[in-house]
Amino acid sequence: MKIQKLYSYLRQAIDEYEMIQDGDRIALGISGGKDSLTLLYGLAGLRRFYPKKFELIAITVDLGYEGFDLSKIQALCDTLEVEYHIVHTQIKDMVPPGECSLCARLRKGAFNNKAKELNCNKIAYAHNQDDVVETLMMSMIYEGRISTFWPVTHFDDTDQDVIRPLMYAPLSEIRGFQNKYDLPVSKNPCPYDKTTQRTYVRELLRDINHHAPGAVKRIMTGIRNANLEGWEK
């Protein structure tokens, strides 16, 4: 995927759901993975010509694992002229082994607090098309509900919006973008990474897409056309 294609995916999501307004100060969560770095690259470029002017601030929550090198991400942010903050925590010592949901809540809490401290009124998460479909499948399999996360979510307690500008970009194209632009991906040091329910559903969808090519894209089309709560245009 070339940068022009990435801009197309971002603008489609942003314009359809009015994710960005003039004067927005957007906090972008940087995990070190390809999705968040792709969104960083795309939004940093989009600032130059998008008709609504916005600021972009990148934030990484360091869970406290040794060897999590963020120097290359810092260098990328410097090149893209994006303000970068690292929140150092010891979350890894606070969470019992394998309690991924608790870890996620603590990580989000630390990120949201920093975003609020930096006067950001919006938070951008790097969920891609595959993430949207996986969440739908997880809701159906484990909860008996037909739902997935929304393109835009407002939190009254912090008066912030969460936006997902990358949600139309397929994972396969993000992988291609990572390779083409040599993004400095920093491997997740958590020993429980890739042992979650989401990993199982991701592999299940990979098998489905293998036997019925294009299935994930068609499911995404179904989500957009089903008039689910939060997806109305």
Protein backbone atom coordinates (compact mmCIF):
# COMPACT_ATOMS: atom_id res chain seq x y z
CA MET A 1 0.00 0.00 0.00
CA LYS A 2 1.30 3.42 -0.97
CA ILE A 3 0.79 6.54 1.13
CA GLN A 4 -1.90 7.83 -1.26
CA LYS A 5 -3.98 4.68 -0.63
CA LEU A 6 -3.56 5.12 3.12
CA TYR A 7 -4.75 8.71 2.85
CA SER A 8 -7.80 7.44 0.93
CA TYR A 9 -8.73 4.97 3.69
CA LEU A 10 -8.24 7.62 6.38
CA ARG A 11 -10.26 10.29 4.60
CA GLN A 12 -13.11 7.89 3.89
CA ALA A 13 -13.50 7.07 7.59
CA ILE A 14 -12.84 10.61 8.83
CA ASP A 15 -15.24 12.24 6.38
CA GLU A 16 -18.06 9.69 6.68
CA TYR A 17 -18.17 9.92 10.49
CA GLU A 18 -16.92 13.52 10.92
CA MET A 19 -14.08 12.34 13.14
CA ILE A 20 -11.99 15.52 12.96
CA GLN A 21 -12.99 19.15 13.45
CA ASP A 22 -11.04 22.38 13.24
CA GLY A 23 -8.84 22.90 16.29
CA ASP A 24 -8.86 19.28 17.46
CA ARG A 25 -5.91 18.14 19.53
CA ILE A 26 -5.64 14.41 18.90
CA ALA A 27 -3.76 11.95 21.12
CA LEU A 28 -2.60 8.90 19.17
CA GLY A 29 -1.81 5.72 21.07
CA ILE A 30 1.48 4.22 19.90
CA SER A 31 1.91 0.59 20.94
CA GLY A 32 4.99 0.04 18.78
CA GLY A 33 3.06 -2.17 16.37
CA LYS A 34 2.51 -1.70 12.64
CA ASP A 35 -1.08 -0.46 12.99
CA SER A 36 -0.35 2.46 15.30
CA LEU A 37 2.78 3.43 13.35
CA THR A 38 0.84 3.34 10.08
CA LEU A 39 -1.82 5.61 11.58
CA LEU A 40 0.91 7.91 12.92
CA TYR A 41 2.48 8.15 9.46
CA GLY A 42 -0.88 8.74 7.79
CA LEU A 43 -2.29 11.35 10.17
CA ALA A 44 1.03 13.23 10.28
CA GLY A 45 0.91 13.55 6.49
CA LEU A 46 -2.80 14.31 6.40
CA ARG A 47 -2.28 17.37 8.64
CA ARG A 48 -0.54 19.15 5.77
CA PHE A 49 -3.54 19.27 3.43
CA TYR A 50 -6.70 18.24 5.31
CA PRO A 51 -9.17 21.16 5.21
CA LYS A 52 -9.80 20.97 8.97
CA LYS A 53 -6.67 21.85 10.93
CA PHE A 54 -5.70 19.64 13.85
CA GLU A 55 -2.75 18.89 16.13
CA LEU A 56 -1.32 15.40 16.65
CA ILE A 57 0.37 14.12 19.82
CA ALA A 58 1.76 10.57 20.04
CA ILE A 59 1.74 8.71 23.38
CA THR A 60 3.22 5.34 24.36
CA VAL A 61 2.46 3.62 27.66
CA ASP A 62 5.53 1.67 28.77
CA LEU A 63 4.33 -1.31 30.84
CA GLY A 64 7.70 -1.72 32.54
CA TYR A 65 9.21 -4.60 30.58
CA GLU A 66 12.95 -4.49 30.00
CA GLY A 67 14.25 -4.14 26.47
CA PHE A 68 11.30 -2.15 25.08
CA ASP A 69 13.33 0.19 22.85
CA LEU A 70 11.39 3.24 21.69
CA SER A 71 14.32 5.24 20.31
CA LYS A 72 13.44 4.52 16.67
CA ILE A 73 9.84 5.55 17.26
CA GLN A 74 11.09 8.76 18.84
CA ALA A 75 13.23 9.34 15.74
CA LEU A 76 10.23 8.74 13.46
CA CYS A 77 8.12 11.22 15.43
CA ASP A 78 10.93 13.76 15.16
CA THR A 79 11.06 13.25 11.40
CA LEU A 80 7.28 13.60 11.11
CA GLU A 81 7.31 16.61 13.44
CA VAL A 82 4.93 14.95 15.91
CA GLU A 83 5.20 15.60 19.64
CA TYR A 84 5.95 12.31 21.43
CA HIS A 85 5.43 11.33 25.07
CA ILE A 86 6.30 8.11 26.89
CA VAL A 87 4.34 7.23 30.04
CA HIS A 88 6.51 4.98 32.21
CA THR A 89 4.57 2.55 34.43
CA GLN A 90 5.04 -0.73 36.29
CA ILE A 91 1.76 -2.21 35.11
CA LYS A 92 3.46 -5.55 34.45
CA ASP A 93 4.09 -5.90 38.20
CA MET A 94 0.51 -4.95 39.09
CA VAL A 95 -1.26 -7.52 36.91
CA PRO A 96 -1.48 -11.29 37.67
CA PRO A 97 -0.11 -13.51 34.88
CA GLY A 98 -2.47 -13.78 31.93
CA GLU A 99 -4.93 -11.10 33.13
CA CYS A 100 -4.93 -9.36 29.76
CA SER A 101 -8.23 -7.49 30.26
CA LEU A 102 -6.98 -5.90 33.51
CA CYS A 103 -3.71 -4.94 31.83
CA ALA A 104 -5.64 -3.35 28.97
CA ARG A 105 -7.78 -1.31 31.38
CA LEU A 106 -4.75 -0.04 33.29
CA ARG A 107 -2.93 0.78 30.06
CA LYS A 108 -5.93 2.68 28.71
CA GLY A 109 -6.28 4.52 32.01
CA ALA A 110 -2.65 5.66 31.93
CA PHE A 111 -2.98 6.71 28.30
CA ASN A 112 -6.25 8.60 28.83
CA ASN A 113 -4.85 10.43 31.86
CA LYS A 114 -1.84 11.58 29.84
CA ALA A 115 -4.05 12.64 26.93
CA LYS A 116 -6.18 14.69 29.31
CA GLU A 117 -3.07 16.22 30.91
CA LEU A 118 -1.93 17.28 27.42
CA ASN A 119 -5.33 18.91 26.74
CA CYS A 120 -6.27 16.48 23.98
CA ASN A 121 -9.98 16.46 23.18
CA LYS A 122 -9.78 13.39 20.96
CA ILE A 123 -8.07 10.01 21.15
CA ALA A 124 -7.19 8.04 18.00
CA TYR A 125 -6.93 4.25 18.16
CA ALA A 126 -5.38 2.29 15.30
CA HIS A 127 -8.05 -0.39 14.89
CA ASN A 128 -8.08 -1.69 11.32
CA GLN A 129 -10.76 -3.42 9.23
CA ASP A 130 -9.78 -6.87 10.51
CA ASP A 131 -10.06 -5.64 14.12
CA VAL A 132 -13.62 -4.45 13.48
CA VAL A 133 -14.63 -7.85 12.06
CA GLU A 134 -12.79 -9.78 14.80
CA THR A 135 -14.62 -7.80 17.49
CA LEU A 136 -17.96 -8.59 15.84
CA MET A 137 -17.09 -12.30 15.79
CA MET A 138 -15.92 -12.26 19.42
CA SER A 139 -19.16 -10.58 20.50
CA MET A 140 -21.20 -13.24 18.71
CA ILE A 141 -19.13 -16.25 19.85
CA TYR A 142 -18.46 -15.31 23.48
CA GLU A 143 -21.32 -12.94 24.37
CA GLY A 144 -24.22 -13.79 22.05
CA ARG A 145 -24.40 -10.20 20.79
CA ILE A 146 -24.13 -8.64 17.33
CA SER A 147 -21.92 -5.65 18.00
CA THR A 148 -18.49 -4.19 17.46
CA PHE A 149 -16.75 -0.98 18.50
CA TRP A 150 -18.01 2.29 17.03
CA PRO A 151 -16.19 4.57 14.59
CA VAL A 152 -16.60 7.41 17.12
CA THR A 153 -17.26 7.00 20.84
CA HIS A 154 -17.86 9.91 23.23
CA PHE A 155 -16.91 9.64 26.90
CA ASP A 156 -18.86 12.04 29.10
CA ASP A 157 -16.59 11.64 32.14
CA THR A 158 -13.56 13.03 30.29
CA ASP A 159 -15.43 14.91 27.54
CA GLN A 160 -13.27 13.20 24.92
CA ASP A 161 -14.05 11.39 21.67
CA VAL A 162 -12.34 8.16 20.65
CA ILE A 163 -11.94 7.95 16.86
CA ARG A 164 -10.79 5.09 14.65
CA PRO A 165 -9.54 6.58 11.36
CA LEU A 166 -7.78 3.37 10.24
CA MET A 167 -10.90 1.18 10.40
CA TYR A 168 -11.31 0.77 6.60
CA ALA A 169 -7.71 -0.34 6.01
CA PRO A 170 -7.25 -4.14 5.68
CA LEU A 171 -4.51 -5.76 7.76
CA SER A 172 -2.84 -7.18 4.65
CA GLU A 173 -2.37 -3.69 3.19
CA ILE A 174 -1.04 -2.36 6.49
CA ARG A 175 1.59 -5.11 6.44
CA GLY A 176 2.54 -3.98 2.95
CA PHE A 177 2.76 -0.37 4.11
CA GLN A 178 5.01 -1.37 7.00
CA ASN A 179 7.42 -3.08 4.63
CA LYS A 180 7.33 -0.40 1.94
CA TYR A 181 8.02 2.47 4.37
CA ASP A 182 10.26 0.49 6.74
CA LEU A 183 8.29 1.39 9.87
CA PRO A 184 10.30 0.89 13.11
CA VAL A 185 8.05 -1.73 14.70
CA SER A 186 8.97 -2.51 18.32
CA LYS A 187 7.97 -6.05 19.33
CA ASN A 188 5.51 -6.34 22.20
CA PRO A 189 7.58 -7.70 25.13
CA CYS A 190 4.54 -9.13 26.96
CA PRO A 191 4.92 -12.94 27.32
CA TYR A 192 1.13 -13.36 26.97
CA ASP A 193 0.90 -11.58 23.64
CA LYS A 194 -0.87 -13.70 21.01
CA THR A 195 -2.48 -16.03 23.58
CA THR A 196 -5.84 -14.25 23.79
CA GLN A 197 -9.37 -15.01 22.56
CA ARG A 198 -8.80 -12.41 19.86
CA THR A 199 -5.87 -14.43 18.55
CA TYR A 200 -8.11 -17.50 18.22
CA VAL A 201 -10.78 -15.49 16.36
CA ARG A 202 -8.11 -13.93 14.11
CA GLU A 203 -6.88 -17.39 13.11
CA LEU A 204 -10.48 -18.55 12.58
CA LEU A 205 -11.15 -15.62 10.25
CA ARG A 206 -7.91 -16.33 8.43
CA ASP A 207 -9.17 -19.85 7.69
CA ILE A 208 -12.59 -18.55 6.61
CA ASN A 209 -10.96 -16.01 4.30
CA HIS A 210 -8.75 -18.72 2.85
CA HIS A 211 -11.75 -20.88 1.93
CA ALA A 212 -13.91 -17.91 0.88
CA PRO A 213 -11.54 -15.18 -0.37
CA GLY A 214 -12.83 -11.70 0.40
CA ALA A 215 -14.99 -12.89 3.33
CA VAL A 216 -13.54 -10.38 5.81
CA LYS A 217 -14.17 -7.49 3.42
CA ARG A 218 -17.76 -8.68 2.84
CA ILE A 219 -18.40 -8.98 6.58
CA MET A 220 -17.14 -5.40 6.95
CA THR A 221 -19.57 -4.33 4.23
CA GLY A 222 -22.31 -6.09 6.18
CA ILE A 223 -21.42 -4.17 9.33
CA ARG A 224 -21.59 -0.87 7.45
CA ASN A 225 -24.95 -1.74 5.87
CA ALA A 226 -26.62 -3.31 8.92
CA ASN A 227 -27.35 0.03 10.61
CA LEU A 228 -25.81 -1.19 13.87
CA GLU A 229 -25.82 1.21 16.79
CA GLY A 230 -23.01 3.72 16.42
CA TRP A 231 -22.53 2.98 12.70
CA GLU A 232 -25.35 5.12 11.39
CA LYS A 233 -24.17 7.78 8.97
